[in-house]
Amino acid sequence: YGLVGSEMCIRDRIYTGNRLEVLARKLADVLEKPLVSTLDTEIIVVQSKGMERWLSMRLAEQHGICANCSFEFPNTFINDIFSFVLPDVPEKPPFEPGILAWKLMKILPGYLDHEEFGELKTYLAGDETGIKLYQLCRNLADLFDQYTIFRPDMIQAWEEDRYYLGGEMKPFEHWQKELWTGLVVDTAGMHRARLKSELLKQIGVTHKKDLPQRISVFGISYLPRFHLEILHAVSGFADVNLFLMNPCREYWGDIRAESEIARMSLAAETLDESQLHLEEGNPLLASMGLHGR
């Protein structure tokens, strides 16, 4: 349909369309308004190198040139925001997976005699070359890195020596919690979950000049809550523009799949289904559009 809609909330702007070409033209229109300083860099967050190249060519077609634009991946952008707001954030954080794997190789052998690490001890038995240990630590480093983004509340619970969500700890959590706690003690600096917590505390007292004037997020289909909460915090001090693909011209954020409606109806025992005002709408959007919603 080619239409672009916009919705403003403080300094957040959301542009939606069903064609990337339409969104690229709208981004070019937004970038026509100059920044305060001609030396400031336009920050554009994209999902891949291919999107970066395609978008730079589209901007060059409309403006005649694409210059002084910094195309960043989401994690790189978040690390830059940490550096703008928080003091002494290292360029290579100690909890970066590539570094973390070697730190895990250093401390993991010391835990193998603990009861909770029985499966790992069995797996590593006879590993004379250390290849198994390295491969295991690489996987664990990636896993812990994902935890800091997708499960920061669980990481916080482990560090405070309490159960995640107040329930009984699952079997895998026992040894992971113990290993993570030892890792935090052994590793100087803060991981991303802590950095995010500190950023949300301190960004309110940060001078506007410390942050980019304008940030554009283009064509990314999904971002974790971790990134969205940081973008929301930054939007109090900078213009944040989201350019998102949308298969439908109408608002569809409140539709639910049939299975979701059934679960919500069971949970709301005192109300019947009509009082919940739930509707399935388009069945494809309802069943396959959870991330889009």
C-alpha atoms as a PDB file:
ATOM      1  CA  TYR A   1       0.000   0.000   0.000  1.00  0.00           C
ATOM      2  CA  GLY A   2       2.996   2.293   0.356  1.00  0.00           C
ATOM      3  CA  LEU A   3       1.570   4.531   3.072  1.00  0.00           C
ATOM      4  CA  VAL A   4       3.669   5.576   6.032  1.00  0.00           C
ATOM      5  CA  GLY A   5       2.091   6.271   9.390  1.00  0.00           C
ATOM      6  CA  SER A   6       3.740   8.022  12.294  1.00  0.00           C
ATOM      7  CA  GLU A   7       3.071   8.071  16.005  1.00  0.00           C
ATOM      8  CA  MET A   8       4.894  10.414  18.370  1.00  0.00           C
ATOM      9  CA  CYS A   9       5.504   9.733  22.042  1.00  0.00           C
ATOM     10  CA  ILE A  10       7.725  12.382  23.630  1.00  0.00           C
ATOM     11  CA  ARG A  11      10.747  12.127  21.316  1.00  0.00           C
ATOM     12  CA  ASP A  12      10.052   8.661  19.902  1.00  0.00           C
ATOM     13  CA  ARG A  13       8.710   8.506  16.355  1.00  0.00           C
ATOM     14  CA  ILE A  14       7.499   5.294  14.758  1.00  0.00           C
ATOM     15  CA  TYR A  15       7.231   5.031  10.975  1.00  0.00           C
ATOM     16  CA  THR A  16       5.680   1.911   9.474  1.00  0.00           C
ATOM     17  CA  GLY A  17       5.252   0.673   5.918  1.00  0.00           C
ATOM     18  CA  ASN A  18       5.050  -2.560   3.962  1.00  0.00           C
ATOM     19  CA  ARG A  19       7.908  -1.696   1.581  1.00  0.00           C
ATOM     20  CA  LEU A  20      11.523  -0.964   2.501  1.00  0.00           C
ATOM     21  CA  GLU A  21      11.733   1.556  -0.344  1.00  0.00           C
ATOM     22  CA  VAL A  22       8.990   3.636   1.299  1.00  0.00           C
ATOM     23  CA  LEU A  23      10.729   3.538   4.671  1.00  0.00           C
ATOM     24  CA  ALA A  24      14.052   4.490   3.048  1.00  0.00           C
ATOM     25  CA  ARG A  25      12.457   7.549   1.445  1.00  0.00           C
ATOM     26  CA  LYS A  26      10.957   8.545   4.782  1.00  0.00           C
ATOM     27  CA  LEU A  27      14.333   8.149   6.491  1.00  0.00           C
ATOM     28  CA  ALA A  28      15.899  10.347   3.814  1.00  0.00           C
ATOM     29  CA  ASP A  29      13.214  12.975   4.485  1.00  0.00           C
ATOM     30  CA  VAL A  30      13.967  12.867   8.225  1.00  0.00           C
ATOM     31  CA  LEU A  31      17.713  13.208   7.629  1.00  0.00           C
ATOM     32  CA  GLU A  32      17.189  16.302   5.469  1.00  0.00           C
ATOM     33  CA  LYS A  33      16.756  18.290   8.666  1.00  0.00           C
ATOM     34  CA  PRO A  34      20.370  19.104   9.624  1.00  0.00           C
ATOM     35  CA  LEU A  35      21.853  18.333  13.011  1.00  0.00           C
ATOM     36  CA  VAL A  36      22.984  21.178  15.259  1.00  0.00           C
ATOM     37  CA  SER A  37      26.606  20.703  14.206  1.00  0.00           C
ATOM     38  CA  THR A  38      27.617  19.792  10.672  1.00  0.00           C
ATOM     39  CA  LEU A  39      30.366  17.601  12.164  1.00  0.00           C
ATOM     40  CA  ASP A  40      27.917  15.461  14.159  1.00  0.00           C
ATOM     41  CA  THR A  41      27.400  11.935  12.859  1.00  0.00           C
ATOM     42  CA  GLU A  42      24.039  10.450  11.930  1.00  0.00           C
ATOM     43  CA  ILE A  43      23.507   7.248  13.915  1.00  0.00           C
ATOM     44  CA  ILE A  44      21.591   4.585  11.946  1.00  0.00           C
ATOM     45  CA  VAL A  45      21.060   1.193  13.584  1.00  0.00           C
ATOM     46  CA  VAL A  46      20.668  -1.701  11.126  1.00  0.00           C
ATOM     47  CA  GLN A  47      20.635  -5.493  11.301  1.00  0.00           C
ATOM     48  CA  SER A  48      23.185  -6.493   8.667  1.00  0.00           C
ATOM     49  CA  LYS A  49      25.966  -5.296   6.374  1.00  0.00           C
ATOM     50  CA  GLY A  50      23.685  -5.929   3.406  1.00  0.00           C
ATOM     51  CA  MET A  51      21.074  -3.547   4.806  1.00  0.00           C
ATOM     52  CA  GLU A  52      23.786  -0.966   5.487  1.00  0.00           C
ATOM     53  CA  ARG A  53      24.970  -1.028   1.873  1.00  0.00           C
ATOM     54  CA  TRP A  54      21.447  -1.012   0.395  1.00  0.00           C
ATOM     55  CA  LEU A  55      20.316   1.837   2.619  1.00  0.00           C
ATOM     56  CA  SER A  56      23.421   3.953   1.988  1.00  0.00           C
ATOM     57  CA  MET A  57      22.792   3.650  -1.760  1.00  0.00           C
ATOM     58  CA  ARG A  58      19.131   4.654  -1.317  1.00  0.00           C
ATOM     59  CA  LEU A  59      20.117   7.705   0.732  1.00  0.00           C
ATOM     60  CA  ALA A  60      22.723   8.647  -1.866  1.00  0.00           C
ATOM     61  CA  GLU A  61      20.080   8.417  -4.626  1.00  0.00           C
ATOM     62  CA  GLN A  62      17.793  10.842  -2.797  1.00  0.00           C
ATOM     63  CA  HIS A  63      20.399  13.231  -1.357  1.00  0.00           C
ATOM     64  CA  GLY A  64      23.089  12.930  -4.016  1.00  0.00           C
ATOM     65  CA  ILE A  65      25.535  11.653  -1.406  1.00  0.00           C
ATOM     66  CA  CYS A  66      25.545   9.549   1.762  1.00  0.00           C
ATOM     67  CA  ALA A  67      28.247  10.847   4.083  1.00  0.00           C
ATOM     68  CA  ASN A  68      28.960  11.126   7.817  1.00  0.00           C
ATOM     69  CA  CYS A  69      26.498   8.321   8.611  1.00  0.00           C
ATOM     70  CA  SER A  70      27.505   5.698  11.147  1.00  0.00           C
ATOM     71  CA  PHE A  71      25.714   2.391  10.510  1.00  0.00           C
ATOM     72  CA  GLU A  72      25.811   0.326  13.684  1.00  0.00           C
ATOM     73  CA  PHE A  73      24.517  -3.056  14.775  1.00  0.00           C
ATOM     74  CA  PRO A  74      22.263  -3.053  17.861  1.00  0.00           C
ATOM     75  CA  ASN A  75      24.870  -4.356  20.334  1.00  0.00           C
ATOM     76  CA  THR A  76      27.526  -1.928  19.073  1.00  0.00           C
ATOM     77  CA  PHE A  77      25.058   0.923  19.438  1.00  0.00           C
ATOM     78  CA  ILE A  78      24.200  -0.110  23.004  1.00  0.00           C
ATOM     79  CA  ASN A  79      27.905  -0.274  23.906  1.00  0.00           C
ATOM     80  CA  ASP A  80      28.349   3.238  22.528  1.00  0.00           C
ATOM     81  CA  ILE A  81      25.461   4.499  24.681  1.00  0.00           C
ATOM     82  CA  PHE A  82      27.102   2.922  27.727  1.00  0.00           C
ATOM     83  CA  SER A  83      30.307   4.791  26.858  1.00  0.00           C
ATOM     84  CA  PHE A  84      28.468   8.113  26.446  1.00  0.00           C
ATOM     85  CA  VAL A  85      26.706   7.912  29.806  1.00  0.00           C
ATOM     86  CA  LEU A  86      28.874   5.824  32.149  1.00  0.00           C
ATOM     87  CA  PRO A  87      32.474   6.594  33.118  1.00  0.00           C
ATOM     88  CA  ASP A  88      35.368   4.238  32.471  1.00  0.00           C
ATOM     89  CA  VAL A  89      33.556   1.729  30.246  1.00  0.00           C
ATOM     90  CA  PRO A  90      36.363  -0.252  28.526  1.00  0.00           C
ATOM     91  CA  GLU A  91      36.401  -0.567  24.760  1.00  0.00           C
ATOM     92  CA  LYS A  92      36.633  -4.361  25.135  1.00  0.00           C
ATOM     93  CA  PRO A  93      34.369  -5.282  28.078  1.00  0.00           C
ATOM     94  CA  PRO A  94      35.705  -8.175  30.200  1.00  0.00           C
ATOM     95  CA  PHE A  95      32.383 -10.012  29.762  1.00  0.00           C
ATOM     96  CA  GLU A  96      32.620 -10.050  25.963  1.00  0.00           C
ATOM     97  CA  PRO A  97      32.163 -13.727  24.889  1.00  0.00           C
ATOM     98  CA  GLY A  98      35.592 -14.052  23.282  1.00  0.00           C
ATOM     99  CA  ILE A  99      37.274 -12.945  26.523  1.00  0.00           C
ATOM    100  CA  LEU A 100      34.826 -14.739  28.783  1.00  0.00           C
ATOM    101  CA  ALA A 101      35.608 -18.145  27.256  1.00  0.00           C
ATOM    102  CA  TRP A 102      39.229 -17.959  28.404  1.00  0.00           C
ATOM    103  CA  LYS A 103      38.232 -16.846  31.893  1.00  0.00           C
ATOM    104  CA  LEU A 104      35.853 -19.810  32.093  1.00  0.00           C
ATOM    105  CA  MET A 105      38.672 -22.153  31.052  1.00  0.00           C
ATOM    106  CA  LYS A 106      40.683 -20.792  33.960  1.00  0.00           C
ATOM    107  CA  ILE A 107      38.078 -21.282  36.703  1.00  0.00           C
ATOM    108  CA  LEU A 108      35.887 -24.195  35.525  1.00  0.00           C
ATOM    109  CA  PRO A 109      38.341 -27.041  36.372  1.00  0.00           C
ATOM    110  CA  GLY A 110      38.260 -25.911  40.003  1.00  0.00           C
ATOM    111  CA  TYR A 111      34.522 -26.637  40.200  1.00  0.00           C
ATOM    112  CA  LEU A 112      34.442 -30.104  38.648  1.00  0.00           C
ATOM    113  CA  ASP A 113      34.640 -31.903  42.004  1.00  0.00           C
ATOM    114  CA  HIS A 114      31.456 -30.173  43.196  1.00  0.00           C
ATOM    115  CA  GLU A 115      28.372 -32.384  43.136  1.00  0.00           C
ATOM    116  CA  GLU A 116      26.404 -30.069  40.856  1.00  0.00           C
ATOM    117  CA  PHE A 117      29.121 -30.313  38.161  1.00  0.00           C
ATOM    118  CA  GLY A 118      28.943 -34.107  37.816  1.00  0.00           C
ATOM    119  CA  GLU A 119      27.702 -34.057  34.215  1.00  0.00           C
ATOM    120  CA  LEU A 120      30.402 -31.602  33.149  1.00  0.00           C
ATOM    121  CA  LYS A 121      33.085 -33.698  34.868  1.00  0.00           C
ATOM    122  CA  THR A 122      31.879 -36.799  33.007  1.00  0.00           C
ATOM    123  CA  TYR A 123      31.843 -34.895  29.700  1.00  0.00           C
ATOM    124  CA  LEU A 124      35.399 -33.577  30.180  1.00  0.00           C
ATOM    125  CA  ALA A 125      36.869 -36.891  31.319  1.00  0.00           C
ATOM    126  CA  GLY A 126      39.886 -37.876  29.206  1.00  0.00           C
ATOM    127  CA  ASP A 127      40.175 -34.441  27.585  1.00  0.00           C
ATOM    128  CA  GLU A 128      43.967 -34.426  27.469  1.00  0.00           C
ATOM    129  CA  THR A 129      44.242 -31.830  24.698  1.00  0.00           C
ATOM    130  CA  GLY A 130      41.785 -29.358  26.287  1.00  0.00           C
ATOM    131  CA  ILE A 131      39.719 -29.134  23.107  1.00  0.00           C
ATOM    132  CA  LYS A 132      36.531 -30.240  24.852  1.00  0.00           C
ATOM    133  CA  LEU A 133      37.113 -27.737  27.649  1.00  0.00           C
ATOM    134  CA  TYR A 134      37.608 -24.910  25.153  1.00  0.00           C
ATOM    135  CA  GLN A 135      34.513 -25.823  23.135  1.00  0.00           C
ATOM    136  CA  LEU A 136      32.421 -26.097  26.291  1.00  0.00           C
ATOM    137  CA  CYS A 137      33.644 -22.745  27.591  1.00  0.00           C
ATOM    138  CA  ARG A 138      32.943 -21.082  24.244  1.00  0.00           C
ATOM    139  CA  ASN A 139      29.340 -22.305  24.395  1.00  0.00           C
ATOM    140  CA  LEU A 140      28.978 -21.271  28.038  1.00  0.00           C
ATOM    141  CA  ALA A 141      30.390 -17.810  27.273  1.00  0.00           C
ATOM    142  CA  ASP A 142      27.804 -17.321  24.514  1.00  0.00           C
ATOM    143  CA  LEU A 143      25.066 -18.596  26.827  1.00  0.00           C
ATOM    144  CA  PHE A 144      26.007 -16.256  29.678  1.00  0.00           C
ATOM    145  CA  ASP A 145      26.226 -13.380  27.195  1.00  0.00           C
ATOM    146  CA  GLN A 146      22.651 -14.120  26.082  1.00  0.00           C
ATOM    147  CA  TYR A 147      21.538 -14.300  29.713  1.00  0.00           C
ATOM    148  CA  THR A 148      22.753 -10.724  30.353  1.00  0.00           C
ATOM    149  CA  ILE A 149      20.459  -9.513  27.553  1.00  0.00           C
ATOM    150  CA  PHE A 150      17.447 -11.821  27.692  1.00  0.00           C
ATOM    151  CA  ARG A 151      17.510 -12.845  31.384  1.00  0.00           C
ATOM    152  CA  PRO A 152      19.023  -9.919  33.333  1.00  0.00           C
ATOM    153  CA  ASP A 153      16.563 -10.534  36.191  1.00  0.00           C
ATOM    154  CA  MET A 154      17.864 -14.108  36.523  1.00  0.00           C
ATOM    155  CA  ILE A 155      21.466 -12.886  36.563  1.00  0.00           C
ATOM    156  CA  GLN A 156      20.562 -10.382  39.278  1.00  0.00           C
ATOM    157  CA  ALA A 157      18.852 -13.109  41.323  1.00  0.00           C
ATOM    158  CA  TRP A 158      21.958 -15.322  41.084  1.00  0.00           C
ATOM    159  CA  GLU A 159      24.237 -12.505  42.230  1.00  0.00           C
ATOM    160  CA  GLU A 160      21.928 -11.768  45.165  1.00  0.00           C
ATOM    161  CA  ASP A 161      21.952 -15.484  46.078  1.00  0.00           C
ATOM    162  CA  ARG A 162      18.226 -15.986  45.669  1.00  0.00           C
ATOM    163  CA  TYR A 163      16.000 -18.114  43.462  1.00  0.00           C
ATOM    164  CA  TYR A 164      14.908 -16.795  40.081  1.00  0.00           C
ATOM    165  CA  LEU A 165      11.216 -15.775  40.133  1.00  0.00           C
ATOM    166  CA  GLY A 166      10.993 -16.956  43.725  1.00  0.00           C
ATOM    167  CA  GLY A 167      10.549 -20.613  42.764  1.00  0.00           C
ATOM    168  CA  GLU A 168      12.680 -23.702  43.181  1.00  0.00           C
ATOM    169  CA  MET A 169      15.883 -23.590  41.203  1.00  0.00           C
ATOM    170  CA  LYS A 170      15.998 -25.815  38.123  1.00  0.00           C
ATOM    171  CA  PRO A 171      18.775 -28.470  37.986  1.00  0.00           C
ATOM    172  CA  PHE A 172      20.873 -26.657  35.386  1.00  0.00           C
ATOM    173  CA  GLU A 173      20.702 -23.428  37.388  1.00  0.00           C
ATOM    174  CA  HIS A 174      22.618 -24.852  40.361  1.00  0.00           C
ATOM    175  CA  TRP A 175      25.936 -25.244  38.575  1.00  0.00           C
ATOM    176  CA  GLN A 176      25.395 -22.280  36.250  1.00  0.00           C
ATOM    177  CA  LYS A 177      24.684 -19.992  39.206  1.00  0.00           C
ATOM    178  CA  GLU A 178      27.786 -21.207  41.050  1.00  0.00           C
ATOM    179  CA  LEU A 179      29.966 -20.815  37.952  1.00  0.00           C
ATOM    180  CA  TRP A 180      28.575 -17.355  37.170  1.00  0.00           C
ATOM    181  CA  THR A 181      29.131 -16.170  40.752  1.00  0.00           C
ATOM    182  CA  GLY A 182      32.753 -17.310  40.603  1.00  0.00           C
ATOM    183  CA  LEU A 183      33.150 -15.619  37.242  1.00  0.00           C
ATOM    184  CA  VAL A 184      31.881 -12.274  38.572  1.00  0.00           C
ATOM    185  CA  VAL A 185      34.307 -12.466  41.492  1.00  0.00           C
ATOM    186  CA  ASP A 186      37.215 -13.329  39.187  1.00  0.00           C
ATOM    187  CA  THR A 187      36.400 -10.753  36.495  1.00  0.00           C
ATOM    188  CA  ALA A 188      36.886  -7.036  37.058  1.00  0.00           C
ATOM    189  CA  GLY A 189      34.299  -4.693  35.545  1.00  0.00           C
ATOM    190  CA  MET A 190      30.574  -4.874  34.910  1.00  0.00           C
ATOM    191  CA  HIS A 191      28.568  -7.061  32.552  1.00  0.00           C
ATOM    192  CA  ARG A 192      25.805  -5.679  30.325  1.00  0.00           C
ATOM    193  CA  ALA A 193      22.966  -6.369  32.766  1.00  0.00           C
ATOM    194  CA  ARG A 194      24.700  -4.236  35.406  1.00  0.00           C
ATOM    195  CA  LEU A 195      25.680  -1.594  32.866  1.00  0.00           C
ATOM    196  CA  LYS A 196      22.054  -1.268  31.801  1.00  0.00           C
ATOM    197  CA  SER A 197      20.909  -0.897  35.406  1.00  0.00           C
ATOM    198  CA  GLU A 198      23.513   1.830  36.022  1.00  0.00           C
ATOM    199  CA  LEU A 199      22.653   3.579  32.767  1.00  0.00           C
ATOM    200  CA  LEU A 200      18.940   3.791  33.645  1.00  0.00           C
ATOM    201  CA  LYS A 201      19.910   5.326  37.000  1.00  0.00           C
ATOM    202  CA  GLN A 202      22.374   7.860  35.653  1.00  0.00           C
ATOM    203  CA  ILE A 203      20.943   8.886  32.303  1.00  0.00           C
ATOM    204  CA  GLY A 204      18.587  11.351  34.008  1.00  0.00           C
ATOM    205  CA  VAL A 205      21.521  13.453  35.192  1.00  0.00           C
ATOM    206  CA  THR A 206      23.493  13.167  31.952  1.00  0.00           C
ATOM    207  CA  HIS A 207      23.958  16.306  29.918  1.00  0.00           C
ATOM    208  CA  LYS A 208      22.230  16.230  26.574  1.00  0.00           C
ATOM    209  CA  LYS A 209      25.509  16.944  24.786  1.00  0.00           C
ATOM    210  CA  ASP A 210      26.860  13.556  25.868  1.00  0.00           C
ATOM    211  CA  LEU A 211      24.328  11.689  23.695  1.00  0.00           C
ATOM    212  CA  PRO A 212      23.735  11.684  19.924  1.00  0.00           C
ATOM    213  CA  GLN A 213      21.194  14.276  18.788  1.00  0.00           C
ATOM    214  CA  ARG A 214      19.348  11.845  16.518  1.00  0.00           C
ATOM    215  CA  ILE A 215      19.147   8.048  16.299  1.00  0.00           C
ATOM    216  CA  SER A 216      17.375   6.089  13.570  1.00  0.00           C
ATOM    217  CA  VAL A 217      16.595   2.370  13.847  1.00  0.00           C
ATOM    218  CA  PHE A 218      15.885   0.971  10.385  1.00  0.00           C
ATOM    219  CA  GLY A 219      14.283  -2.261   9.201  1.00  0.00           C
ATOM    220  CA  ILE A 220      14.959  -4.367  12.314  1.00  0.00           C
ATOM    221  CA  SER A 221      12.188  -6.902  12.790  1.00  0.00           C
ATOM    222  CA  TYR A 222      12.830  -7.658  16.447  1.00  0.00           C
ATOM    223  CA  LEU A 223      14.781  -6.196  19.369  1.00  0.00           C
ATOM    224  CA  PRO A 224      14.966  -7.658  22.880  1.00  0.00           C
ATOM    225  CA  ARG A 225      13.358  -5.741  25.746  1.00  0.00           C
ATOM    226  CA  PHE A 226      16.934  -4.982  26.896  1.00  0.00           C
ATOM    227  CA  HIS A 227      17.551  -2.783  23.829  1.00  0.00           C
ATOM    228  CA  LEU A 228      14.063  -1.266  23.806  1.00  0.00           C
ATOM    229  CA  GLU A 229      14.312  -0.075  27.410  1.00  0.00           C
ATOM    230  CA  ILE A 230      17.630   1.626  26.660  1.00  0.00           C
ATOM    231  CA  LEU A 231      16.209   3.255  23.518  1.00  0.00           C
ATOM    232  CA  HIS A 232      13.236   4.472  25.547  1.00  0.00           C
ATOM    233  CA  ALA A 233      15.541   5.989  28.174  1.00  0.00           C
ATOM    234  CA  VAL A 234      17.676   7.673  25.499  1.00  0.00           C
ATOM    235  CA  SER A 235      14.569   9.135  23.823  1.00  0.00           C
ATOM    236  CA  GLY A 236      14.231  11.594  26.721  1.00  0.00           C
ATOM    237  CA  PHE A 237      17.409  13.296  25.499  1.00  0.00           C
ATOM    238  CA  ALA A 238      17.650  12.473  21.784  1.00  0.00           C
ATOM    239  CA  ASP A 239      15.333  12.049  18.805  1.00  0.00           C
ATOM    240  CA  VAL A 240      14.723   8.328  18.291  1.00  0.00           C
ATOM    241  CA  ASN A 241      13.125   7.310  14.994  1.00  0.00           C
ATOM    242  CA  LEU A 242      11.981   3.724  14.382  1.00  0.00           C
ATOM    243  CA  PHE A 243      11.403   2.647  10.767  1.00  0.00           C
ATOM    244  CA  LEU A 244       9.580  -0.687  10.925  1.00  0.00           C
ATOM    245  CA  MET A 245       8.140  -3.092   8.392  1.00  0.00           C
ATOM    246  CA  ASN A 246       4.420  -3.665   8.896  1.00  0.00           C
ATOM    247  CA  PRO A 247       2.240  -5.991   6.780  1.00  0.00           C
ATOM    248  CA  CYS A 248      -1.021  -4.229   7.689  1.00  0.00           C
ATOM    249  CA  ARG A 249      -2.159  -0.618   7.340  1.00  0.00           C
ATOM    250  CA  GLU A 250      -4.463  -0.936  10.383  1.00  0.00           C
ATOM    251  CA  TYR A 251      -3.407  -1.167  14.022  1.00  0.00           C
ATOM    252  CA  TRP A 252      -3.207  -4.835  15.029  1.00  0.00           C
ATOM    253  CA  GLY A 253      -1.246  -4.780  18.276  1.00  0.00           C
ATOM    254  CA  ASP A 254      -4.191  -5.978  20.373  1.00  0.00           C
ATOM    255  CA  ILE A 255      -5.252  -9.070  18.412  1.00  0.00           C
ATOM    256  CA  ARG A 256      -4.640 -12.489  19.958  1.00  0.00           C
ATOM    257  CA  ALA A 257      -4.257 -16.023  18.664  1.00  0.00           C
ATOM    258  CA  GLU A 258      -7.044 -18.461  19.494  1.00  0.00           C
ATOM    259  CA  SER A 259      -4.805 -20.307  21.961  1.00  0.00           C
ATOM    260  CA  GLU A 260      -3.911 -17.031  23.734  1.00  0.00           C
ATOM    261  CA  ILE A 261      -7.587 -16.107  24.039  1.00  0.00           C
ATOM    262  CA  ALA A 262      -8.328 -19.510  25.588  1.00  0.00           C
ATOM    263  CA  ARG A 263      -5.509 -19.137  28.147  1.00  0.00           C
ATOM    264  CA  MET A 264      -6.520 -15.590  29.090  1.00  0.00           C
ATOM    265  CA  SER A 265     -10.145 -16.611  29.434  1.00  0.00           C
ATOM    266  CA  LEU A 266      -9.182 -19.392  31.842  1.00  0.00           C
ATOM    267  CA  ALA A 267      -6.998 -17.029  33.866  1.00  0.00           C
ATOM    268  CA  ALA A 268      -9.812 -14.451  34.229  1.00  0.00           C
ATOM    269  CA  GLU A 269     -12.231 -16.717  36.085  1.00  0.00           C
ATOM    270  CA  THR A 270     -14.599 -13.937  37.165  1.00  0.00           C
ATOM    271  CA  LEU A 271     -15.143 -12.578  33.640  1.00  0.00           C
ATOM    272  CA  ASP A 272     -16.589 -14.212  30.567  1.00  0.00           C
ATOM    273  CA  GLU A 273     -14.838 -13.988  27.212  1.00  0.00           C
ATOM    274  CA  SER A 274     -16.962 -11.104  25.896  1.00  0.00           C
ATOM    275  CA  GLN A 275     -15.958  -8.895  28.821  1.00  0.00           C
ATOM    276  CA  LEU A 276     -12.255  -9.349  28.050  1.00  0.00           C
ATOM    277  CA  HIS A 277     -12.701  -7.710  24.609  1.00  0.00           C
ATOM    278  CA  LEU A 278     -10.300 -10.162  22.945  1.00  0.00           C
ATOM    279  CA  GLU A 279     -10.395 -10.800  19.221  1.00  0.00           C
ATOM    280  CA  GLU A 280      -8.408 -12.954  16.836  1.00  0.00           C
ATOM    281  CA  GLY A 281      -8.592 -10.670  13.815  1.00  0.00           C
ATOM    282  CA  ASN A 282      -6.527 -11.865  10.883  1.00  0.00           C
ATOM    283  CA  PRO A 283      -5.532 -15.459  11.811  1.00  0.00           C
ATOM    284  CA  LEU A 284      -2.103 -15.177  10.144  1.00  0.00           C
ATOM    285  CA  LEU A 285      -1.216 -11.997  12.042  1.00  0.00           C
ATOM    286  CA  ALA A 286      -2.593 -13.518  15.239  1.00  0.00           C
ATOM    287  CA  SER A 287      -0.706 -16.816  14.994  1.00  0.00           C
ATOM    288  CA  MET A 288       2.544 -15.691  13.365  1.00  0.00           C
ATOM    289  CA  GLY A 289       2.860 -12.024  14.319  1.00  0.00           C
ATOM    290  CA  LEU A 290       3.813 -12.180  17.995  1.00  0.00           C
ATOM    291  CA  HIS A 291       7.124 -10.337  17.553  1.00  0.00           C
ATOM    292  CA  GLY A 292       5.488  -7.775  15.288  1.00  0.00           C
ATOM    293  CA  ARG A 293       2.864  -7.027  17.911  1.00  0.00           C
END
